C-alpha atoms as a PDB file:
ATOM      1  CA  UNK A   1      -1.612 -10.629 -14.656  1.00  0.00           C
ATOM      2  CA  UNK A   2      -3.198 -11.866 -11.328  1.00  0.00           C
ATOM      3  CA  UNK A   3      -6.365 -10.181 -10.201  1.00  0.00           C
ATOM      4  CA  UNK A   4      -6.997 -10.569  -6.588  1.00  0.00           C
ATOM      5  CA  UNK A   5     -10.549  -9.616  -4.941  1.00  0.00           C
ATOM      6  CA  UNK A   6     -10.885  -8.080  -1.462  1.00  0.00           C
ATOM      7  CA  UNK A   7     -12.941 -10.535   0.797  1.00  0.00           C
ATOM      8  CA  UNK A   8     -12.433  -8.850   3.951  1.00  0.00           C
ATOM      9  CA  UNK A   9     -10.668  -6.003   5.640  1.00  0.00           C
ATOM     10  CA  UNK A  10     -10.621  -4.982   9.199  1.00  0.00           C
ATOM     11  CA  UNK A  11      -7.987  -3.423  11.912  1.00  0.00           C
ATOM     12  CA  UNK A  12      -5.586  -5.708  13.869  1.00  0.00           C
ATOM     13  CA  UNK A  13      -3.764  -4.682  17.127  1.00  0.00           C
ATOM     14  CA  UNK A  14      -0.711  -6.393  17.113  1.00  0.00           C
ATOM     15  CA  UNK A  15       0.989  -7.655  20.479  1.00  0.00           C
ATOM     16  CA  UNK A  16       3.249  -4.649  20.391  1.00  0.00           C
ATOM     17  CA  UNK A  17      -0.012  -2.205  20.544  1.00  0.00           C
ATOM     18  CA  UNK A  18       0.948  -1.550  16.553  1.00  0.00           C
ATOM     19  CA  UNK A  19      -2.481  -0.988  14.533  1.00  0.00           C
ATOM     20  CA  UNK A  20      -2.513  -2.928  11.443  1.00  0.00           C
ATOM     21  CA  UNK A  21      -5.048  -2.973   8.648  1.00  0.00           C
ATOM     22  CA  UNK A  22      -5.600  -6.467   7.335  1.00  0.00           C
ATOM     23  CA  UNK A  23      -6.852  -6.903   3.636  1.00  0.00           C
ATOM     24  CA  UNK A  24      -7.765 -10.210   2.751  1.00  0.00           C
ATOM     25  CA  UNK A  25      -7.870 -11.200  -0.884  1.00  0.00           C
ATOM     26  CA  UNK A  26      -8.500 -13.890  -3.259  1.00  0.00           C
ATOM     27  CA  UNK A  27      -6.374 -15.318  -6.287  1.00  0.00           C
ATOM     28  CA  UNK A  28      -8.674 -16.395  -9.149  1.00  0.00           C
ATOM     29  CA  UNK A  29      -7.542 -19.817  -8.466  1.00  0.00           C
ATOM     30  CA  UNK A  30      -9.205 -19.537  -4.688  1.00  0.00           C
ATOM     31  CA  UNK A  31      -5.879 -19.321  -2.759  1.00  0.00           C
ATOM     32  CA  UNK A  32      -6.088 -16.515  -0.100  1.00  0.00           C
ATOM     33  CA  UNK A  33      -3.411 -13.889  -0.050  1.00  0.00           C
ATOM     34  CA  UNK A  34      -3.096 -11.406   2.970  1.00  0.00           C
ATOM     35  CA  UNK A  35      -1.947  -7.610   2.701  1.00  0.00           C
ATOM     36  CA  UNK A  36      -0.793  -6.867   6.206  1.00  0.00           C
ATOM     37  CA  UNK A  37      -0.194  -2.851   6.565  1.00  0.00           C
ATOM     38  CA  UNK A  38       0.717  -0.768   9.821  1.00  0.00           C
ATOM     39  CA  UNK A  39      -1.718   1.693   9.774  1.00  0.00           C
ATOM     40  CA  UNK A  40       1.096   4.622   9.950  1.00  0.00           C
ATOM     41  CA  UNK A  41       1.799   3.198   6.266  1.00  0.00           C
ATOM     42  CA  UNK A  42      -0.798   5.957   4.780  1.00  0.00           C
ATOM     43  CA  UNK A  43       0.558   8.902   6.673  1.00  0.00           C
ATOM     44  CA  UNK A  44       3.953   7.799   5.616  1.00  0.00           C
ATOM     45  CA  UNK A  45       2.982   7.541   2.004  1.00  0.00           C
ATOM     46  CA  UNK A  46       1.504  10.850   2.326  1.00  0.00           C
ATOM     47  CA  UNK A  47       4.791  12.496   3.607  1.00  0.00           C
ATOM     48  CA  UNK A  48       7.017  10.421   1.359  1.00  0.00           C
ATOM     49  CA  UNK A  49       5.390  10.863  -1.932  1.00  0.00           C
ATOM     50  CA  UNK A  50       3.344  14.133  -1.297  1.00  0.00           C
ATOM     51  CA  UNK A  51      -0.095  12.285  -1.628  1.00  0.00           C
ATOM     52  CA  UNK A  52      -2.977  14.242  -0.127  1.00  0.00           C
ATOM     53  CA  UNK A  53      -3.105  12.896   3.447  1.00  0.00           C
ATOM     54  CA  UNK A  54      -6.903  12.664   3.415  1.00  0.00           C
ATOM     55  CA  UNK A  55      -7.210  10.705   0.137  1.00  0.00           C
ATOM     56  CA  UNK A  56      -7.359   7.215   1.737  1.00  0.00           C
ATOM     57  CA  UNK A  57      -8.606   5.772  -1.573  1.00  0.00           C
ATOM     58  CA  UNK A  58      -5.001   6.691  -3.450  1.00  0.00           C
ATOM     59  CA  UNK A  59      -3.084   5.642  -0.351  1.00  0.00           C
ATOM     60  CA  UNK A  60      -4.672   2.351   0.169  1.00  0.00           C
ATOM     61  CA  UNK A  61      -4.201   1.692  -3.705  1.00  0.00           C
ATOM     62  CA  UNK A  62      -0.786   2.420  -3.532  1.00  0.00           C
ATOM     63  CA  UNK A  63      -0.124   0.767  -0.086  1.00  0.00           C
ATOM     64  CA  UNK A  64      -1.450  -2.412  -1.615  1.00  0.00           C
ATOM     65  CA  UNK A  65       0.178  -2.450  -5.225  1.00  0.00           C
ATOM     66  CA  UNK A  66       3.687  -1.026  -3.976  1.00  0.00           C
ATOM     67  CA  UNK A  67       4.136  -4.566  -2.187  1.00  0.00           C
ATOM     68  CA  UNK A  68       4.802  -5.947  -5.762  1.00  0.00           C
ATOM     69  CA  UNK A  69       7.217  -3.292  -7.107  1.00  0.00           C
ATOM     70  CA  UNK A  70      10.830  -4.785  -7.608  1.00  0.00           C
ATOM     71  CA  UNK A  71      13.196  -2.651  -5.488  1.00  0.00           C
ATOM     72  CA  UNK A  72      14.196  -0.096  -7.635  1.00  0.00           C
ATOM     73  CA  UNK A  73      17.390   0.902  -5.986  1.00  0.00           C
ATOM     74  CA  UNK A  74      18.861  -2.761  -6.474  1.00  0.00           C
ATOM     75  CA  UNK A  75      20.985  -2.822  -9.573  1.00  0.00           C
ATOM     76  CA  UNK A  76      19.662  -6.310 -11.082  1.00  0.00           C
ATOM     77  CA  UNK A  77      16.127  -4.162 -11.268  1.00  0.00           C
ATOM     78  CA  UNK A  78      17.605  -1.226 -13.119  1.00  0.00           C
ATOM     79  CA  UNK A  79      17.087  -2.611 -16.730  1.00  0.00           C
ATOM     80  CA  UNK A  80      13.377  -3.564 -16.226  1.00  0.00           C
ATOM     81  CA  UNK A  81      12.407  -0.521 -14.125  1.00  0.00           C
ATOM     82  CA  UNK A  82       9.247   1.017 -15.369  1.00  0.00           C
ATOM     83  CA  UNK A  83      10.144   4.437 -14.390  1.00  0.00           C
ATOM     84  CA  UNK A  84      13.680   4.270 -15.786  1.00  0.00           C
ATOM     85  CA  UNK A  85      11.836   3.213 -19.087  1.00  0.00           C
ATOM     86  CA  UNK A  86      10.239   6.587 -18.917  1.00  0.00           C
ATOM     87  CA  UNK A  87      13.516   8.412 -18.494  1.00  0.00           C
ATOM     88  CA  UNK A  88      13.319   8.845 -14.515  1.00  0.00           C
ATOM     89  CA  UNK A  89      17.010   8.360 -14.047  1.00  0.00           C
ATOM     90  CA  UNK A  90      19.329  10.040 -11.743  1.00  0.00           C
ATOM     91  CA  UNK A  91      23.103   9.363 -12.353  1.00  0.00           C
ATOM     92  CA  UNK A  92      22.142   6.340 -14.401  1.00  0.00           C
ATOM     93  CA  UNK A  93      19.979   4.649 -11.860  1.00  0.00           C
ATOM     94  CA  UNK A  94      16.003   4.558 -11.509  1.00  0.00           C
ATOM     95  CA  UNK A  95      14.750   7.495  -9.480  1.00  0.00           C
ATOM     96  CA  UNK A  96      13.343   6.267  -6.192  1.00  0.00           C
ATOM     97  CA  UNK A  97      12.408   8.108  -2.878  1.00  0.00           C
ATOM     98  CA  UNK A  98      16.237   7.823  -1.591  1.00  0.00           C
ATOM     99  CA  UNK A  99      17.838   9.158  -4.782  1.00  0.00           C
ATOM    100  CA  UNK A 100      15.030  11.807  -6.239  1.00  0.00           C
ATOM    101  CA  UNK A 101      15.757  15.384  -6.450  1.00  0.00           C
ATOM    102  CA  UNK A 102      12.170  16.300  -5.084  1.00  0.00           C
ATOM    103  CA  UNK A 103       9.349  14.701  -3.638  1.00  0.00           C
ATOM    104  CA  UNK A 104       7.343  15.238  -6.875  1.00  0.00           C
ATOM    105  CA  UNK A 105      10.138  13.330  -8.829  1.00  0.00           C
ATOM    106  CA  UNK A 106       9.963  10.342  -6.430  1.00  0.00           C
ATOM    107  CA  UNK A 107       5.935  10.488  -6.467  1.00  0.00           C
ATOM    108  CA  UNK A 108       6.096  10.455 -10.577  1.00  0.00           C
ATOM    109  CA  UNK A 109       8.526   7.380 -10.329  1.00  0.00           C
ATOM    110  CA  UNK A 110       6.475   5.581  -7.820  1.00  0.00           C
ATOM    111  CA  UNK A 111       3.286   5.806  -9.776  1.00  0.00           C
ATOM    112  CA  UNK A 112       5.084   5.026 -12.802  1.00  0.00           C
ATOM    113  CA  UNK A 113       5.596   1.588 -11.041  1.00  0.00           C
ATOM    114  CA  UNK A 114       2.375   1.292  -9.511  1.00  0.00           C
ATOM    115  CA  UNK A 115       0.737   1.718 -13.003  1.00  0.00           C
ATOM    116  CA  UNK A 116       3.301  -1.036 -14.245  1.00  0.00           C
ATOM    117  CA  UNK A 117       2.441  -3.550 -11.287  1.00  0.00           C
ATOM    118  CA  UNK A 118      -1.457  -2.968 -12.075  1.00  0.00           C
ATOM    119  CA  UNK A 119      -0.887  -3.557 -15.840  1.00  0.00           C
ATOM    120  CA  UNK A 120       1.623  -6.556 -15.658  1.00  0.00           C
ATOM    121  CA  UNK A 121       1.360  -8.079 -12.245  1.00  0.00           C
ATOM    122  CA  UNK A 122      -1.193  -7.646  -9.769  1.00  0.00           C
ATOM    123  CA  UNK A 123      -4.795  -5.711  -9.488  1.00  0.00           C
ATOM    124  CA  UNK A 124      -6.447  -5.600  -6.181  1.00  0.00           C
ATOM    125  CA  UNK A 125     -10.447  -5.200  -6.749  1.00  0.00           C
ATOM    126  CA  UNK A 126     -13.604  -5.134  -4.436  1.00  0.00           C
ATOM    127  CA  UNK A 127     -16.136  -7.895  -5.628  1.00  0.00           C
ATOM    128  CA  UNK A 128     -19.629  -7.757  -5.337  1.00  0.00           C
ATOM    129  CA  UNK A 129     -21.417  -8.827  -2.093  1.00  0.00           C
ATOM    130  CA  UNK A 130     -21.349 -12.524  -1.584  1.00  0.00           C
ATOM    131  CA  UNK A 131     -20.267 -15.649   0.700  1.00  0.00           C
ATOM    132  CA  UNK A 132     -16.819 -14.734   1.816  1.00  0.00           C
ATOM    133  CA  UNK A 133     -14.111 -16.196   4.255  1.00  0.00           C
ATOM    134  CA  UNK A 134     -13.609 -13.901   7.362  1.00  0.00           C
ATOM    135  CA  UNK A 135     -11.626 -13.832  10.558  1.00  0.00           C
ATOM    136  CA  UNK A 136     -13.787 -15.069  13.416  1.00  0.00           C
ATOM    137  CA  UNK A 137     -14.084 -12.811  16.229  1.00  0.00           C
ATOM    138  CA  UNK A 138     -13.081 -13.813  19.703  1.00  0.00           C
ATOM    139  CA  UNK A 139     -10.373 -15.669  21.228  1.00  0.00           C
ATOM    140  CA  UNK A 140      -9.815 -18.230  18.504  1.00  0.00           C
ATOM    141  CA  UNK A 141      -8.484 -15.743  15.948  1.00  0.00           C
ATOM    142  CA  UNK A 142      -7.375 -18.703  13.773  1.00  0.00           C
ATOM    143  CA  UNK A 143     -10.721 -19.882  13.226  1.00  0.00           C
ATOM    144  CA  UNK A 144     -12.365 -19.008  10.027  1.00  0.00           C
ATOM    145  CA  UNK A 145     -16.014 -18.619   9.212  1.00  0.00           C
ATOM    146  CA  UNK A 146     -17.822 -18.292   5.876  1.00  0.00           C
ATOM    147  CA  UNK A 147     -20.467 -15.628   6.465  1.00  0.00           C
ATOM    148  CA  UNK A 148     -22.346 -13.108   4.317  1.00  0.00           C
ATOM    149  CA  UNK A 149     -19.931  -9.990   4.047  1.00  0.00           C
ATOM    150  CA  UNK A 150     -19.981  -7.192   1.706  1.00  0.00           C
ATOM    151  CA  UNK A 151     -16.407  -6.393   1.216  1.00  0.00           C
ATOM    152  CA  UNK A 152     -17.490  -2.451   0.191  1.00  0.00           C
ATOM    153  CA  UNK A 153     -18.855  -2.209   3.978  1.00  0.00           C
ATOM    154  CA  UNK A 154     -15.961  -3.808   5.594  1.00  0.00           C
ATOM    155  CA  UNK A 155     -13.614  -1.621   3.364  1.00  0.00           C
ATOM    156  CA  UNK A 156     -15.578   1.298   4.183  1.00  0.00           C
ATOM    157  CA  UNK A 157     -15.631   0.637   7.718  1.00  0.00           C
ATOM    158  CA  UNK A 158     -11.982   0.146   7.997  1.00  0.00           C
ATOM    159  CA  UNK A 159     -11.095   3.371   5.791  1.00  0.00           C
ATOM    160  CA  UNK A 160     -13.577   5.261   8.208  1.00  0.00           C
ATOM    161  CA  UNK A 161     -10.824   4.522  10.885  1.00  0.00           C
ATOM    162  CA  UNK A 162      -8.153   6.536   9.125  1.00  0.00           C
ATOM    163  CA  UNK A 163      -7.368  10.102  10.551  1.00  0.00           C
ATOM    164  CA  UNK A 164      -4.183  11.419   9.833  1.00  0.00           C
ATOM    165  CA  UNK A 165      -2.238  12.953  12.553  1.00  0.00           C
ATOM    166  CA  UNK A 166      -0.902  16.155  11.068  1.00  0.00           C
ATOM    167  CA  UNK A 167       1.718  16.576  13.965  1.00  0.00           C
ATOM    168  CA  UNK A 168       3.058  13.261  13.509  1.00  0.00           C
ATOM    169  CA  UNK A 169       3.147  13.600   9.793  1.00  0.00           C
ATOM    170  CA  UNK A 170       5.338  16.716  10.391  1.00  0.00           C
ATOM    171  CA  UNK A 171       7.925  14.732  12.718  1.00  0.00           C
ATOM    172  CA  UNK A 172       8.097  12.292  10.057  1.00  0.00           C
ATOM    173  CA  UNK A 173       8.615  14.984   7.367  1.00  0.00           C
ATOM    174  CA  UNK A 174      11.091  16.256   9.524  1.00  0.00           C
ATOM    175  CA  UNK A 175      13.101  13.119  10.138  1.00  0.00           C
ATOM    176  CA  UNK A 176      12.727  12.053   6.448  1.00  0.00           C
ATOM    177  CA  UNK A 177      14.114  15.403   5.298  1.00  0.00           C
ATOM    178  CA  UNK A 178      16.869  15.234   7.521  1.00  0.00           C
ATOM    179  CA  UNK A 179      17.656  11.338   6.241  1.00  0.00           C
ATOM    180  CA  UNK A 180      17.331  12.449   2.598  1.00  0.00           C
ATOM    181  CA  UNK A 181      19.416  15.712   2.831  1.00  0.00           C
ATOM    182  CA  UNK A 182      16.429  17.341   0.926  1.00  0.00           C
ATOM    183  CA  UNK A 183      13.105  19.138   1.653  1.00  0.00           C
ATOM    184  CA  UNK A 184      10.021  16.517   1.513  1.00  0.00           C
END
């Protein structure tokens, strides 16, 4: 299993005005790894799986770790799917968002996979205060500085920017319900 430590966290505005959350981590061997997530990821997870929309800690934990889940709808992943191993099947296939009977069933299957990822593949943690690599501000965004960074503070500042939009979530819920053919 790989333990990745968060070294920096900050918002990023893409060229198309999409807001992103950039979470920089470091592997045990020192190699960097970056999680880039559109800010809408958290509202979408709340809608898709029925998570509490204001629980940014759970939403962020799920968002980061779900990157490592083998796609459950692909046949080649069925035999090793952790949710299927716990009996979460629908018509012989592992339960996932697209085939679940309910949001609660989809959430249960997704959380089984998240737990498996954290046990077997990757665990992302926030380390103690120390010298960290950070992206330099200003025009030269490719430059990297080594400065004193408290990852807890950086992550807390980023999480403080999250304000779920109930109207946008309602629109997402309606669209997803129509797409899935069941209430979300």
